[in-house]
């Protein structure tokens, strides 16, 4: 199964309590990237972009769901609240 000519794009948007999380997967000519972007109150809080492994590209091409695909994108967590400084 050849992955060189495979193109795929998918976006998931989740909104809850004024926060928005966007998860994207894009594969172009067999090279794939995944990204997670978080927004809070309309402002961009953080973003992470990572490559997709070749094994995952083959599974996506087969039309299967990959549980935990974005689990290694942990750097895009909520900002911790700062203590009030006097």
N, C-alpha and C. Protein backbone atom coordinates (compact mmCIF):
# COMPACT_ATOMS: atom_id res chain seq x y z
N UNK A 1 0.85 -1.18 0.00
CA UNK A 1 0.00 0.00 0.00
C UNK A 1 0.89 1.24 0.00
N UNK A 2 0.73 2.05 -0.99
CA UNK A 2 1.58 3.22 -1.18
C UNK A 2 0.96 4.43 -0.49
N UNK A 3 1.75 5.18 0.27
CA UNK A 3 1.24 6.35 0.98
C UNK A 3 1.74 7.64 0.36
N UNK A 4 2.56 7.56 -0.69
CA UNK A 4 3.14 8.77 -1.26
C UNK A 4 2.10 9.69 -1.88
N UNK A 5 1.06 9.14 -2.49
CA UNK A 5 0.08 9.98 -3.19
C UNK A 5 -1.21 10.16 -2.39
N UNK A 6 -1.17 9.93 -1.09
CA UNK A 6 -2.37 10.00 -0.26
C UNK A 6 -2.54 11.40 0.31
N UNK A 7 -3.73 11.99 0.13
CA UNK A 7 -4.07 13.30 0.68
C UNK A 7 -5.31 13.17 1.56
N UNK A 8 -5.30 13.85 2.72
CA UNK A 8 -6.39 13.74 3.68
C UNK A 8 -6.39 15.00 4.53
N UNK A 9 -7.58 15.47 4.90
CA UNK A 9 -7.70 16.63 5.76
C UNK A 9 -8.93 16.46 6.64
N UNK A 10 -8.79 16.72 7.96
CA UNK A 10 -9.91 16.62 8.86
C UNK A 10 -9.73 17.64 9.99
N UNK A 11 -10.85 18.26 10.40
CA UNK A 11 -10.83 19.25 11.46
C UNK A 11 -11.95 18.96 12.44
N UNK A 12 -11.64 19.01 13.73
CA UNK A 12 -12.64 18.83 14.77
C UNK A 12 -12.63 20.08 15.64
N UNK A 13 -13.81 20.67 15.85
CA UNK A 13 -13.94 21.86 16.68
C UNK A 13 -14.85 21.52 17.86
N UNK A 14 -14.35 21.79 19.07
CA UNK A 14 -15.11 21.50 20.28
C UNK A 14 -15.20 22.79 21.09
N UNK A 15 -16.42 23.22 21.40
CA UNK A 15 -16.63 24.44 22.17
C UNK A 15 -17.36 24.09 23.46
N UNK A 16 -16.84 24.63 24.59
CA UNK A 16 -17.47 24.37 25.87
C UNK A 16 -17.09 25.48 26.84
N UNK A 17 -18.07 26.12 27.44
CA UNK A 17 -17.87 27.13 28.49
C UNK A 17 -16.91 28.24 28.09
N UNK A 18 -17.05 28.79 26.92
CA UNK A 18 -16.20 29.89 26.48
C UNK A 18 -14.82 29.47 26.00
N UNK A 19 -14.56 28.18 25.93
CA UNK A 19 -13.29 27.69 25.45
C UNK A 19 -13.52 26.90 24.17
N UNK A 20 -12.56 27.00 23.26
CA UNK A 20 -12.66 26.29 22.00
C UNK A 20 -11.37 25.53 21.76
N UNK A 21 -11.49 24.27 21.35
CA UNK A 21 -10.35 23.43 21.01
C UNK A 21 -10.51 22.97 19.57
N UNK A 22 -9.48 23.19 18.78
CA UNK A 22 -9.49 22.78 17.38
C UNK A 22 -8.40 21.74 17.18
N UNK A 23 -8.80 20.58 16.67
CA UNK A 23 -7.85 19.51 16.36
C UNK A 23 -7.85 19.30 14.86
N UNK A 24 -6.66 19.32 14.26
CA UNK A 24 -6.55 19.16 12.81
C UNK A 24 -5.58 18.04 12.48
N UNK A 25 -5.91 17.31 11.43
CA UNK A 25 -5.01 16.32 10.85
C UNK A 25 -4.97 16.60 9.36
N UNK A 26 -3.78 16.76 8.81
CA UNK A 26 -3.65 16.97 7.37
C UNK A 26 -2.51 16.12 6.86
N UNK A 27 -2.77 15.41 5.77
CA UNK A 27 -1.78 14.57 5.13
C UNK A 27 -1.74 14.97 3.66
N UNK A 28 -0.55 15.29 3.19
CA UNK A 28 -0.39 15.69 1.80
C UNK A 28 0.82 14.96 1.24
N UNK A 29 0.59 14.19 0.19
CA UNK A 29 1.62 13.40 -0.47
C UNK A 29 2.35 12.47 0.50
N UNK A 30 1.61 11.90 1.44
CA UNK A 30 2.18 10.93 2.36
C UNK A 30 2.89 11.52 3.56
N UNK A 31 2.94 12.84 3.69
CA UNK A 31 3.56 13.50 4.84
C UNK A 31 2.45 14.15 5.65
N UNK A 32 2.34 13.80 6.94
CA UNK A 32 1.22 14.25 7.73
C UNK A 32 1.60 15.05 8.94
N UNK A 33 0.70 15.96 9.33
CA UNK A 33 0.85 16.77 10.52
C UNK A 33 -0.45 16.77 11.29
N UNK A 34 -0.34 16.88 12.61
CA UNK A 34 -1.50 17.03 13.48
C UNK A 34 -1.26 18.25 14.34
N UNK A 35 -2.33 18.98 14.64
CA UNK A 35 -2.18 20.17 15.46
C UNK A 35 -3.37 20.32 16.39
N UNK A 36 -3.10 20.90 17.55
CA UNK A 36 -4.12 21.21 18.53
C UNK A 36 -3.97 22.68 18.88
N UNK A 37 -5.07 23.45 18.77
CA UNK A 37 -5.06 24.87 19.10
C UNK A 37 -6.18 25.13 20.09
N UNK A 38 -5.88 25.89 21.13
CA UNK A 38 -6.87 26.20 22.16
C UNK A 38 -7.11 27.70 22.21
N UNK A 39 -8.39 28.05 22.36
CA UNK A 39 -8.81 29.44 22.48
C UNK A 39 -9.59 29.60 23.78
N UNK A 40 -9.41 30.71 24.44
CA UNK A 40 -10.20 31.04 25.62
C UNK A 40 -10.68 32.48 25.46
N UNK A 41 -11.99 32.65 25.55
CA UNK A 41 -12.65 33.94 25.38
C UNK A 41 -12.23 34.63 24.08
N UNK A 42 -12.09 33.85 23.03
CA UNK A 42 -11.77 34.39 21.72
C UNK A 42 -10.30 34.63 21.46
N UNK A 43 -9.47 34.40 22.44
CA UNK A 43 -8.03 34.62 22.27
C UNK A 43 -7.29 33.28 22.22
N UNK A 44 -6.28 33.23 21.39
CA UNK A 44 -5.50 32.01 21.24
C UNK A 44 -4.61 31.81 22.47
N UNK A 45 -4.78 30.67 23.14
CA UNK A 45 -4.04 30.37 24.36
C UNK A 45 -2.75 29.61 24.03
N UNK A 46 -2.84 28.63 23.15
CA UNK A 46 -1.67 27.83 22.82
C UNK A 46 -1.92 26.97 21.60
N UNK A 47 -0.82 26.52 21.01
CA UNK A 47 -0.92 25.69 19.82
C UNK A 47 0.27 24.73 19.77
N UNK A 48 0.01 23.52 19.30
CA UNK A 48 1.05 22.51 19.14
C UNK A 48 0.88 21.87 17.77
N UNK A 49 1.99 21.71 17.04
CA UNK A 49 1.96 21.05 15.73
C UNK A 49 3.04 19.98 15.74
N UNK A 50 2.64 18.74 15.39
CA UNK A 50 3.56 17.61 15.41
C UNK A 50 3.35 16.76 14.17
N UNK A 51 4.38 16.01 13.76
CA UNK A 51 4.20 15.10 12.62
C UNK A 51 3.39 13.86 13.00
N UNK A 52 2.74 13.27 12.01
CA UNK A 52 1.99 12.03 12.20
C UNK A 52 2.89 10.88 11.76
N UNK A 53 2.93 9.81 12.55
CA UNK A 53 3.78 8.66 12.25
C UNK A 53 3.27 7.95 11.00
N UNK A 54 4.18 7.29 10.31
CA UNK A 54 3.85 6.57 9.08
C UNK A 54 2.83 5.47 9.33
N UNK A 55 2.92 4.80 10.49
CA UNK A 55 1.96 3.75 10.80
C UNK A 55 0.56 4.32 10.96
N UNK A 56 0.46 5.51 11.58
CA UNK A 56 -0.84 6.15 11.74
C UNK A 56 -1.41 6.58 10.39
N UNK A 57 -0.56 7.02 9.48
CA UNK A 57 -1.03 7.41 8.14
C UNK A 57 -1.63 6.21 7.43
N UNK A 58 -1.01 5.06 7.57
CA UNK A 58 -1.54 3.84 6.94
C UNK A 58 -2.89 3.46 7.53
N UNK A 59 -3.06 3.63 8.84
CA UNK A 59 -4.33 3.31 9.50
C UNK A 59 -5.41 4.29 9.05
N UNK A 60 -5.08 5.58 8.97
CA UNK A 60 -6.03 6.59 8.52
C UNK A 60 -6.46 6.32 7.08
N UNK A 61 -5.52 5.92 6.27
CA UNK A 61 -5.85 5.61 4.88
C UNK A 61 -6.82 4.45 4.78
N UNK A 62 -6.72 3.51 5.71
CA UNK A 62 -7.64 2.38 5.74
C UNK A 62 -9.01 2.73 6.29
N UNK A 63 -9.19 3.97 6.77
CA UNK A 63 -10.49 4.41 7.26
C UNK A 63 -10.76 4.03 8.70
N UNK A 64 -9.73 3.74 9.47
CA UNK A 64 -9.91 3.33 10.86
C UNK A 64 -9.72 4.53 11.79
N UNK A 65 -10.33 4.43 12.97
CA UNK A 65 -10.21 5.45 14.01
C UNK A 65 -8.99 5.15 14.87
N UNK A 66 -8.21 6.18 15.21
CA UNK A 66 -7.03 6.01 16.06
C UNK A 66 -7.33 6.66 17.40
N UNK A 67 -7.56 5.85 18.41
CA UNK A 67 -7.83 6.36 19.74
C UNK A 67 -6.53 6.91 20.33
N UNK A 68 -6.57 8.14 20.84
CA UNK A 68 -5.39 8.73 21.47
C UNK A 68 -4.40 9.32 20.49
N UNK A 69 -4.83 9.70 19.31
CA UNK A 69 -3.92 10.27 18.32
C UNK A 69 -3.30 11.58 18.81
N UNK A 70 -4.07 12.36 19.56
CA UNK A 70 -3.60 13.67 20.03
C UNK A 70 -3.09 13.63 21.47
N UNK A 71 -2.90 12.45 22.05
CA UNK A 71 -2.45 12.36 23.43
C UNK A 71 -1.04 12.90 23.65
N UNK A 72 -0.19 12.84 22.63
CA UNK A 72 1.17 13.35 22.81
C UNK A 72 1.27 14.86 22.57
N UNK A 73 0.16 15.52 22.30
CA UNK A 73 0.13 16.98 22.15
C UNK A 73 -0.26 17.61 23.49
N UNK A 74 0.45 17.28 24.54
CA UNK A 74 0.11 17.72 25.89
C UNK A 74 0.60 19.12 26.21
N UNK A 75 1.47 19.70 25.40
CA UNK A 75 2.01 21.02 25.70
C UNK A 75 0.97 22.12 25.56
N UNK A 76 -0.17 21.81 24.99
CA UNK A 76 -1.20 22.82 24.76
C UNK A 76 -2.27 22.70 25.84
N UNK A 77 -1.89 22.84 27.08
CA UNK A 77 -2.85 22.79 28.18
C UNK A 77 -3.27 24.20 28.54
N UNK A 78 -4.27 24.30 29.40
CA UNK A 78 -4.75 25.59 29.86
C UNK A 78 -3.65 26.32 30.62
N UNK A 79 -3.60 27.62 30.48
CA UNK A 79 -2.65 28.41 31.27
C UNK A 79 -3.09 28.40 32.72
N UNK A 80 -2.15 28.25 33.61
CA UNK A 80 -2.48 28.29 35.03
C UNK A 80 -2.73 29.73 35.44
N UNK A 81 -3.65 29.93 36.36
CA UNK A 81 -3.96 31.29 36.80
C UNK A 81 -2.83 31.82 37.66
N UNK A 82 -2.55 33.07 37.51
CA UNK A 82 -1.50 33.70 38.29
C UNK A 82 -2.05 34.16 39.63
N UNK A 83 -1.20 34.17 40.62
CA UNK A 83 -1.60 34.69 41.90
C UNK A 83 -1.66 36.21 41.82
N UNK A 84 -2.59 36.79 42.53
CA UNK A 84 -2.68 38.25 42.53
C UNK A 84 -1.47 38.84 43.25
N UNK A 85 -0.79 39.69 42.54
CA UNK A 85 0.39 40.32 43.14
C UNK A 85 0.03 41.68 43.69
N UNK A 86 0.60 41.99 44.82
CA UNK A 86 0.30 43.27 45.46
C UNK A 86 1.45 44.22 45.29
